[in-house]
Amino acid sequence: MRAREIHAAAEQLAGEPLRWTSVKGTLAAYAEGSKPRFERVRRGYYRIREHVVPLSG
């Protein structure tokens, strides 16, 4: 999914505007480390890693 699409979806879920840099930074931060939540497919494109278990609400 394109990062811009993720930004738009996050704004819709939050019900308010979100800073583009915050969403982009979150994607980048959680695409690295020992247990990344996202996988960077290519520049500007991300997907959820398969091993991530969604939070139950």
Protein backbone atom coordinates (compact mmCIF):
# COMPACT_ATOMS: atom_id res chain seq x y z
CA MET A 1 0.00 0.00 0.00
CA ARG A 2 1.29 3.46 -0.79
CA ALA A 3 2.33 5.58 2.16
CA ARG A 4 -0.08 8.32 1.02
CA GLU A 5 -2.96 5.81 1.10
CA ILE A 6 -1.92 4.73 4.59
CA HIS A 7 -1.88 8.39 5.66
CA ALA A 8 -5.40 8.94 4.30
CA ALA A 9 -6.71 5.77 5.99
CA ALA A 10 -5.08 6.75 9.31
CA GLU A 11 -6.72 10.18 9.14
CA GLN A 12 -10.08 8.58 8.46
CA LEU A 13 -9.69 6.21 11.42
CA ALA A 14 -8.53 9.02 13.71
CA GLY A 15 -11.33 11.30 12.56
CA GLU A 16 -8.93 14.25 12.37
CA PRO A 17 -5.99 15.45 10.30
CA LEU A 18 -2.63 13.79 10.98
CA ARG A 19 0.76 15.20 10.07
CA TRP A 20 2.23 13.50 7.01
CA THR A 21 5.67 13.48 8.64
CA SER A 22 4.27 11.67 11.70
CA VAL A 23 2.73 8.88 9.63
CA LYS A 24 5.81 8.58 7.43
CA GLY A 25 8.08 8.51 10.46
CA THR A 26 5.98 5.84 12.15
CA LEU A 27 6.11 3.64 9.06
CA ALA A 28 9.87 4.03 8.83
CA ALA A 29 10.41 3.41 12.56
CA TYR A 30 8.28 0.27 12.64
CA ALA A 31 9.83 -1.15 9.47
CA GLU A 32 13.12 -1.68 11.32
CA GLY A 33 14.30 -3.36 14.49
CA SER A 34 14.10 -6.88 15.85
CA LYS A 35 10.33 -7.23 15.42
CA PRO A 36 9.21 -4.87 12.64
CA ARG A 37 5.46 -4.38 12.14
CA PHE A 38 5.74 -3.17 8.55
CA GLU A 39 7.81 -4.20 5.58
CA ARG A 40 9.05 -1.59 3.14
CA VAL A 41 8.33 -3.07 -0.27
CA ARG A 42 9.96 -0.22 -2.18
CA ARG A 43 10.19 3.53 -1.85
CA GLY A 44 6.84 4.83 -0.60
CA TYR A 45 5.20 1.38 -0.38
CA TYR A 46 4.65 -0.64 2.79
CA ARG A 47 2.79 -3.75 3.89
CA ILE A 48 2.03 -5.31 7.25
CA ARG A 49 4.47 -8.06 8.17
CA GLU A 50 2.83 -11.48 8.23
CA HIS A 51 3.94 -12.36 11.77
CA VAL A 52 2.13 -9.36 13.32
CA VAL A 53 -0.95 -10.29 15.31
CA PRO A 54 -3.64 -7.57 15.22
CA LEU A 55 -4.58 -6.00 18.53
CA SER A 56 -7.98 -7.12 19.82
CA GLY A 57 -10.23 -4.29 20.85
